[in-house]
Amino acid sequence: MGAFFSMGGYAGFVWPCYLLTLGGMAWLAWASWRRAKRAAERLDEISPKKED
């Protein structure tokens, strides 16, 4: 198991890349969710209201 985590001596390059990728994907998911929420709010504002 230690050989896996040492990545053949390249662990100092490999693990930070994994962390950067994970961070970028998390940021992208959060930003997409936030943008979709804002778009839904804006659509609700400009949509005609039905009167019962």
PDB file of N, CA and C in Angstrom:
ATOM      1  N   MET A   1       0.825  -1.186   0.000  1.00  0.00           N
ATOM      2  CA  MET A   1       0.000   0.000   0.000  1.00  0.00           C
ATOM      3  C   MET A   1       0.872   1.253   0.000  1.00  0.00           C
ATOM      4  N   GLY A   2       2.002   1.184   0.654  1.00  0.00           N
ATOM      5  CA  GLY A   2       2.905   2.329   0.691  1.00  0.00           C
ATOM      6  C   GLY A   2       3.440   2.669  -0.686  1.00  0.00           C
ATOM      7  N   ALA A   3       3.628   1.636  -1.523  1.00  0.00           N
ATOM      8  CA  ALA A   3       4.115   1.884  -2.882  1.00  0.00           C
ATOM      9  C   ALA A   3       3.076   2.649  -3.701  1.00  0.00           C
ATOM     10  N   PHE A   4       1.817   2.371  -3.435  1.00  0.00           N
ATOM     11  CA  PHE A   4       0.756   3.091  -4.138  1.00  0.00           C
ATOM     12  C   PHE A   4       0.779   4.568  -3.764  1.00  0.00           C
ATOM     13  N   PHE A   5       0.878   4.858  -2.468  1.00  0.00           N
ATOM     14  CA  PHE A   5       0.857   6.249  -2.016  1.00  0.00           C
ATOM     15  C   PHE A   5       2.127   7.012  -2.374  1.00  0.00           C
ATOM     16  N   SER A   6       3.242   6.299  -2.543  1.00  0.00           N
ATOM     17  CA  SER A   6       4.478   6.990  -2.931  1.00  0.00           C
ATOM     18  C   SER A   6       4.524   7.238  -4.436  1.00  0.00           C
ATOM     19  N   MET A   7       3.672   6.549  -5.192  1.00  0.00           N
ATOM     20  CA  MET A   7       3.548   6.726  -6.642  1.00  0.00           C
ATOM     21  C   MET A   7       4.893   6.607  -7.367  1.00  0.00           C
ATOM     22  N   GLY A   8       5.703   5.677  -6.907  1.00  0.00           N
ATOM     23  CA  GLY A   8       6.985   5.442  -7.575  1.00  0.00           C
ATOM     24  C   GLY A   8       7.924   6.639  -7.478  1.00  0.00           C
ATOM     25  N   GLY A   9       7.805   7.419  -6.424  1.00  0.00           N
ATOM     26  CA  GLY A   9       8.664   8.574  -6.243  1.00  0.00           C
ATOM     27  C   GLY A   9       8.094   9.869  -6.794  1.00  0.00           C
ATOM     28  N   TYR A  10       6.937   9.791  -7.415  1.00  0.00           N
ATOM     29  CA  TYR A  10       6.321  10.979  -8.023  1.00  0.00           C
ATOM     30  C   TYR A  10       5.134  11.503  -7.207  1.00  0.00           C
ATOM     31  N   ALA A  11       5.009  11.064  -5.975  1.00  0.00           N
ATOM     32  CA  ALA A  11       3.863  11.444  -5.151  1.00  0.00           C
ATOM     33  C   ALA A  11       3.764  12.952  -4.968  1.00  0.00           C
ATOM     34  N   GLY A  12       4.894  13.638  -4.898  1.00  0.00           N
ATOM     35  CA  GLY A  12       4.896  15.088  -4.728  1.00  0.00           C
ATOM     36  C   GLY A  12       4.282  15.820  -5.903  1.00  0.00           C
ATOM     37  N   PHE A  13       4.224  15.171  -7.044  1.00  0.00           N
ATOM     38  CA  PHE A  13       3.608  15.769  -8.232  1.00  0.00           C
ATOM     39  C   PHE A  13       2.183  15.261  -8.447  1.00  0.00           C
ATOM     40  N   VAL A  14       1.968  13.989  -8.135  1.00  0.00           N
ATOM     41  CA  VAL A  14       0.686  13.353  -8.425  1.00  0.00           C
ATOM     42  C   VAL A  14      -0.412  13.795  -7.458  1.00  0.00           C
ATOM     43  N   TRP A  15      -0.162  13.729  -6.147  1.00  0.00           N
ATOM     44  CA  TRP A  15      -1.203  14.053  -5.174  1.00  0.00           C
ATOM     45  C   TRP A  15      -1.667  15.502  -5.250  1.00  0.00           C
ATOM     46  N   PRO A  16      -0.780  16.475  -5.409  1.00  0.00           N
ATOM     47  CA  PRO A  16      -1.290  17.844  -5.581  1.00  0.00           C
ATOM     48  C   PRO A  16      -2.171  17.997  -6.826  1.00  0.00           C
ATOM     49  N   CYS A  17      -1.852  17.282  -7.881  1.00  0.00           N
ATOM     50  CA  CYS A  17      -2.691  17.330  -9.086  1.00  0.00           C
ATOM     51  C   CYS A  17      -4.073  16.747  -8.804  1.00  0.00           C
ATOM     52  N   TYR A  18      -4.119  15.664  -8.042  1.00  0.00           N
ATOM     53  CA  TYR A  18      -5.411  15.097  -7.657  1.00  0.00           C
ATOM     54  C   TYR A  18      -6.205  16.111  -6.835  1.00  0.00           C
ATOM     55  N   LEU A  19      -5.543  16.764  -5.883  1.00  0.00           N
ATOM     56  CA  LEU A  19      -6.224  17.735  -5.036  1.00  0.00           C
ATOM     57  C   LEU A  19      -6.703  18.941  -5.839  1.00  0.00           C
ATOM     58  N   LEU A  20      -5.898  19.427  -6.754  1.00  0.00           N
ATOM     59  CA  LEU A  20      -6.311  20.550  -7.595  1.00  0.00           C
ATOM     60  C   LEU A  20      -7.504  20.175  -8.479  1.00  0.00           C
ATOM     61  N   THR A  21      -7.472  18.982  -9.020  1.00  0.00           N
ATOM     62  CA  THR A  21      -8.576  18.518  -9.852  1.00  0.00           C
ATOM     63  C   THR A  21      -9.860  18.391  -9.036  1.00  0.00           C
ATOM     64  N   LEU A  22      -9.759  17.799  -7.861  1.00  0.00           N
ATOM     65  CA  LEU A  22     -10.917  17.660  -6.990  1.00  0.00           C
ATOM     66  C   LEU A  22     -11.457  19.032  -6.589  1.00  0.00           C
ATOM     67  N   GLY A  23     -10.566  19.951  -6.253  1.00  0.00           N
ATOM     68  CA  GLY A  23     -10.994  21.299  -5.894  1.00  0.00           C
ATOM     69  C   GLY A  23     -11.668  22.007  -7.056  1.00  0.00           C
ATOM     70  N   GLY A  24     -11.109  21.861  -8.247  1.00  0.00           N
ATOM     71  CA  GLY A  24     -11.709  22.475  -9.431  1.00  0.00           C
ATOM     72  C   GLY A  24     -13.074  21.909  -9.747  1.00  0.00           C
ATOM     73  N   MET A  25     -13.228  20.613  -9.594  1.00  0.00           N
ATOM     74  CA  MET A  25     -14.527  19.997  -9.854  1.00  0.00           C
ATOM     75  C   MET A  25     -15.556  20.415  -8.815  1.00  0.00           C
ATOM     76  N   ALA A  26     -15.127  20.535  -7.552  1.00  0.00           N
ATOM     77  CA  ALA A  26     -16.042  20.996  -6.501  1.00  0.00           C
ATOM     78  C   ALA A  26     -16.461  22.438  -6.765  1.00  0.00           C
ATOM     79  N   TRP A  27     -15.514  23.292  -7.151  1.00  0.00           N
ATOM     80  CA  TRP A  27     -15.838  24.682  -7.453  1.00  0.00           C
ATOM     81  C   TRP A  27     -16.798  24.761  -8.635  1.00  0.00           C
ATOM     82  N   LEU A  28     -16.563  23.968  -9.660  1.00  0.00           N
ATOM     83  CA  LEU A  28     -17.429  23.974 -10.835  1.00  0.00           C
ATOM     84  C   LEU A  28     -18.849  23.533 -10.477  1.00  0.00           C
ATOM     85  N   ALA A  29     -18.983  22.515  -9.648  1.00  0.00           N
ATOM     86  CA  ALA A  29     -20.306  22.060  -9.222  1.00  0.00           C
ATOM     87  C   ALA A  29     -21.009  23.145  -8.410  1.00  0.00           C
ATOM     88  N   TRP A  30     -20.296  23.786  -7.492  1.00  0.00           N
ATOM     89  CA  TRP A  30     -20.877  24.836  -6.667  1.00  0.00           C
ATOM     90  C   TRP A  30     -21.287  26.040  -7.516  1.00  0.00           C
ATOM     91  N   ALA A  31     -20.412  26.459  -8.438  1.00  0.00           N
ATOM     92  CA  ALA A  31     -20.709  27.612  -9.291  1.00  0.00           C
ATOM     93  C   ALA A  31     -21.902  27.321 -10.206  1.00  0.00           C
ATOM     94  N   SER A  32     -21.992  26.113 -10.715  1.00  0.00           N
ATOM     95  CA  SER A  32     -23.121  25.744 -11.576  1.00  0.00           C
ATOM     96  C   SER A  32     -24.418  25.741 -10.789  1.00  0.00           C
ATOM     97  N   TRP A  33     -24.380  25.206  -9.572  1.00  0.00           N
ATOM     98  CA  TRP A  33     -25.571  25.189  -8.727  1.00  0.00           C
ATOM     99  C   TRP A  33     -26.020  26.616  -8.410  1.00  0.00           C
ATOM    100  N   ARG A  34     -25.062  27.475  -8.070  1.00  0.00           N
ATOM    101  CA  ARG A  34     -25.388  28.864  -7.735  1.00  0.00           C
ATOM    102  C   ARG A  34     -25.972  29.594  -8.938  1.00  0.00           C
ATOM    103  N   ARG A  35     -25.398  29.367 -10.114  1.00  0.00           N
ATOM    104  CA  ARG A  35     -25.900  30.031 -11.317  1.00  0.00           C
ATOM    105  C   ARG A  35     -27.296  29.541 -11.683  1.00  0.00           C
ATOM    106  N   ALA A  36     -27.547  28.253 -11.533  1.00  0.00           N
ATOM    107  CA  ALA A  36     -28.881  27.709 -11.810  1.00  0.00           C
ATOM    108  C   ALA A  36     -29.907  28.273 -10.831  1.00  0.00           C
ATOM    109  N   LYS A  37     -29.509  28.426  -9.578  1.00  0.00           N
ATOM    110  CA  LYS A  37     -30.416  28.991  -8.575  1.00  0.00           C
ATOM    111  C   LYS A  37     -30.758  30.437  -8.928  1.00  0.00           C
ATOM    112  N   ARG A  38     -29.761  31.213  -9.321  1.00  0.00           N
ATOM    113  CA  ARG A  38     -30.014  32.608  -9.716  1.00  0.00           C
ATOM    114  C   ARG A  38     -30.892  32.679 -10.956  1.00  0.00           C
ATOM    115  N   ALA A  39     -30.668  31.791 -11.911  1.00  0.00           N
ATOM    116  CA  ALA A  39     -31.477  31.784 -13.130  1.00  0.00           C
ATOM    117  C   ALA A  39     -32.925  31.435 -12.810  1.00  0.00           C
ATOM    118  N   ALA A  40     -33.143  30.499 -11.909  1.00  0.00           N
ATOM    119  CA  ALA A  40     -34.509  30.137 -11.520  1.00  0.00           C
ATOM    120  C   ALA A  40     -35.196  31.294 -10.808  1.00  0.00           C
ATOM    121  N   GLU A  41     -34.451  32.000  -9.963  1.00  0.00           N
ATOM    122  CA  GLU A  41     -35.025  33.161  -9.282  1.00  0.00           C
ATOM    123  C   GLU A  41     -35.380  34.251 -10.290  1.00  0.00           C
ATOM    124  N   ARG A  42     -34.494  34.489 -11.242  1.00  0.00           N
ATOM    125  CA  ARG A  42     -34.744  35.513 -12.258  1.00  0.00           C
ATOM    126  C   ARG A  42     -35.944  35.126 -13.118  1.00  0.00           C
ATOM    127  N   LEU A  43     -36.052  33.872 -13.497  1.00  0.00           N
ATOM    128  CA  LEU A  43     -37.182  33.403 -14.288  1.00  0.00           C
ATOM    129  C   LEU A  43     -38.480  33.581 -13.516  1.00  0.00           C
ATOM    130  N   ASP A  44     -38.447  33.308 -12.230  1.00  0.00           N
ATOM    131  CA  ASP A  44     -39.635  33.496 -11.403  1.00  0.00           C
ATOM    132  C   ASP A  44     -40.039  34.970 -11.347  1.00  0.00           C
ATOM    133  N   GLU A  45     -39.048  35.853 -11.329  1.00  0.00           N
ATOM    134  CA  GLU A  45     -39.346  37.293 -11.293  1.00  0.00           C
ATOM    135  C   GLU A  45     -40.021  37.784 -12.579  1.00  0.00           C
ATOM    136  N   ILE A  46     -39.553  37.296 -13.711  1.00  0.00           N
ATOM    137  CA  ILE A  46     -40.055  37.817 -14.989  1.00  0.00           C
ATOM    138  C   ILE A  46     -41.242  37.032 -15.527  1.00  0.00           C
ATOM    139  N   SER A  47     -41.567  35.915 -14.917  1.00  0.00           N
ATOM    140  CA  SER A  47     -42.708  35.132 -15.387  1.00  0.00           C
ATOM    141  C   SER A  47     -44.007  35.815 -15.018  1.00  0.00           C
ATOM    142  N   PRO A  48     -44.989  35.756 -15.917  1.00  0.00           N
ATOM    143  CA  PRO A  48     -46.296  36.325 -15.560  1.00  0.00           C
ATOM    144  C   PRO A  48     -46.928  35.495 -14.449  1.00  0.00           C
ATOM    145  N   LYS A  49     -47.557  36.189 -13.534  1.00  0.00           N
ATOM    146  CA  LYS A  49     -48.194  35.495 -12.396  1.00  0.00           C
ATOM    147  C   LYS A  49     -49.626  35.124 -12.769  1.00  0.00           C
ATOM    148  N   LYS A  50     -50.016  33.922 -12.423  1.00  0.00           N
ATOM    149  CA  LYS A  50     -51.396  33.481 -12.658  1.00  0.00           C
ATOM    150  C   LYS A  50     -52.236  33.922 -11.481  1.00  0.00           C
ATOM    151  N   GLU A  51     -53.387  34.480 -11.797  1.00  0.00           N
ATOM    152  CA  GLU A  51     -54.294  34.894 -10.735  1.00  0.00           C
ATOM    153  C   GLU A  51     -55.414  33.869 -10.650  1.00  0.00           C
ATOM    154  N   ASP A  52     -55.655  33.404  -9.442  1.00  0.00           N
ATOM    155  CA  ASP A  52     -56.716  32.402  -9.244  1.00  0.00           C
ATOM    156  C   ASP A  52     -58.025  33.056  -8.957  1.00  0.00           C
TER     157      ASP A  52
END
